[in-house]
Protein backbone atom coordinates (compact mmCIF):
# COMPACT_ATOMS: atom_id res chain seq x y z
CA UNK A 1 1.28 3.59 16.68
CA UNK A 2 -0.50 0.63 15.09
CA UNK A 3 -2.10 0.19 11.73
CA UNK A 4 -5.80 0.36 11.05
CA UNK A 5 -7.93 -2.48 9.75
CA UNK A 6 -8.02 -0.77 6.33
CA UNK A 7 -4.23 -0.40 6.25
CA UNK A 8 -3.89 -4.07 7.15
CA UNK A 9 -6.23 -4.94 4.27
CA UNK A 10 -4.15 -2.77 1.92
CA UNK A 11 -1.01 -4.69 2.91
CA UNK A 12 -2.77 -8.00 2.28
CA UNK A 13 -3.95 -6.88 -1.16
CA UNK A 14 -0.57 -5.58 -2.34
CA UNK A 15 1.19 -8.63 -0.91
CA UNK A 16 -0.90 -10.91 -3.14
CA UNK A 17 -0.49 -8.94 -6.38
CA UNK A 18 2.35 -8.02 -8.70
CA UNK A 19 0.87 -4.55 -8.89
CA UNK A 20 -2.38 -2.86 -7.99
CA UNK A 21 -3.63 0.63 -8.74
CA UNK A 22 -4.69 3.11 -6.11
CA UNK A 23 -8.11 3.14 -7.77
CA UNK A 24 -8.41 -0.63 -7.36
CA UNK A 25 -7.41 -0.37 -3.69
CA UNK A 26 -9.96 2.40 -3.32
CA UNK A 27 -12.73 0.25 -4.79
CA UNK A 28 -11.78 -2.85 -2.80
CA UNK A 29 -11.63 -1.01 0.53
CA UNK A 30 -14.52 1.42 -0.14
CA UNK A 31 -12.18 4.36 0.49
CA UNK A 32 -11.26 7.47 -1.50
CA UNK A 33 -8.03 7.41 -3.56
CA UNK A 34 -6.64 10.29 -1.48
CA UNK A 35 -7.17 8.28 1.73
CA UNK A 36 -5.42 5.30 0.13
CA UNK A 37 -2.43 7.51 -0.76
CA UNK A 38 -2.27 8.82 2.83
CA UNK A 39 -2.44 5.26 4.17
CA UNK A 40 0.35 4.17 1.85
CA UNK A 41 2.55 7.05 2.90
CA UNK A 42 1.91 6.22 6.57
CA UNK A 43 2.66 2.53 5.99
CA UNK A 44 5.89 3.32 4.14
CA UNK A 45 7.05 5.61 6.94
CA UNK A 46 6.20 3.03 9.61
CA UNK A 47 8.09 0.27 7.79
CA UNK A 48 11.08 2.54 7.24
CA UNK A 49 11.25 3.38 10.97
CA UNK A 50 10.85 -0.23 12.14
CA UNK A 51 12.50 -2.32 9.44
CA UNK A 52 14.82 0.18 7.80
CA UNK A 53 13.37 -0.77 4.42
CA UNK A 54 10.03 -0.47 2.67
CA UNK A 55 8.27 -3.62 1.38
CA UNK A 56 6.61 -1.80 -1.52
CA UNK A 57 7.10 1.23 -3.71
CA UNK A 58 4.69 3.76 -5.13
CA UNK A 59 5.47 4.39 -8.79
CA UNK A 60 3.76 7.16 -10.70
CA UNK A 61 3.00 6.62 -14.39
CA UNK A 62 -0.34 7.27 -16.05
CA UNK A 63 -1.79 5.85 -12.84
CA UNK A 64 -0.23 5.20 -9.47
CA UNK A 65 0.88 1.59 -9.18
CA UNK A 66 2.03 -0.26 -6.11
CA UNK A 67 4.91 -2.62 -6.76
CA UNK A 68 5.67 -5.05 -3.95
CA UNK A 69 9.35 -5.60 -3.33
CA UNK A 70 8.59 -8.92 -1.64
CA UNK A 71 6.32 -11.89 -2.27
CA UNK A 72 4.05 -12.69 0.67
CA UNK A 73 2.99 -16.21 -0.42
């Protein structure tokens, strides 16, 4: 199962930022926040199956923030 063009764009965005909100991802990809959350869950599960580790975390505070655990520069 591959990733969609939007999911690929999400990975590019979070790889270039220290953190990014779900709302920002939603605006930048013209997608609803709930779709972004589903994409993130799918991406995390795919990475866990293939790599055994997840390259980013979802942290819930006042807003949902994505915190990359790697630097893709």
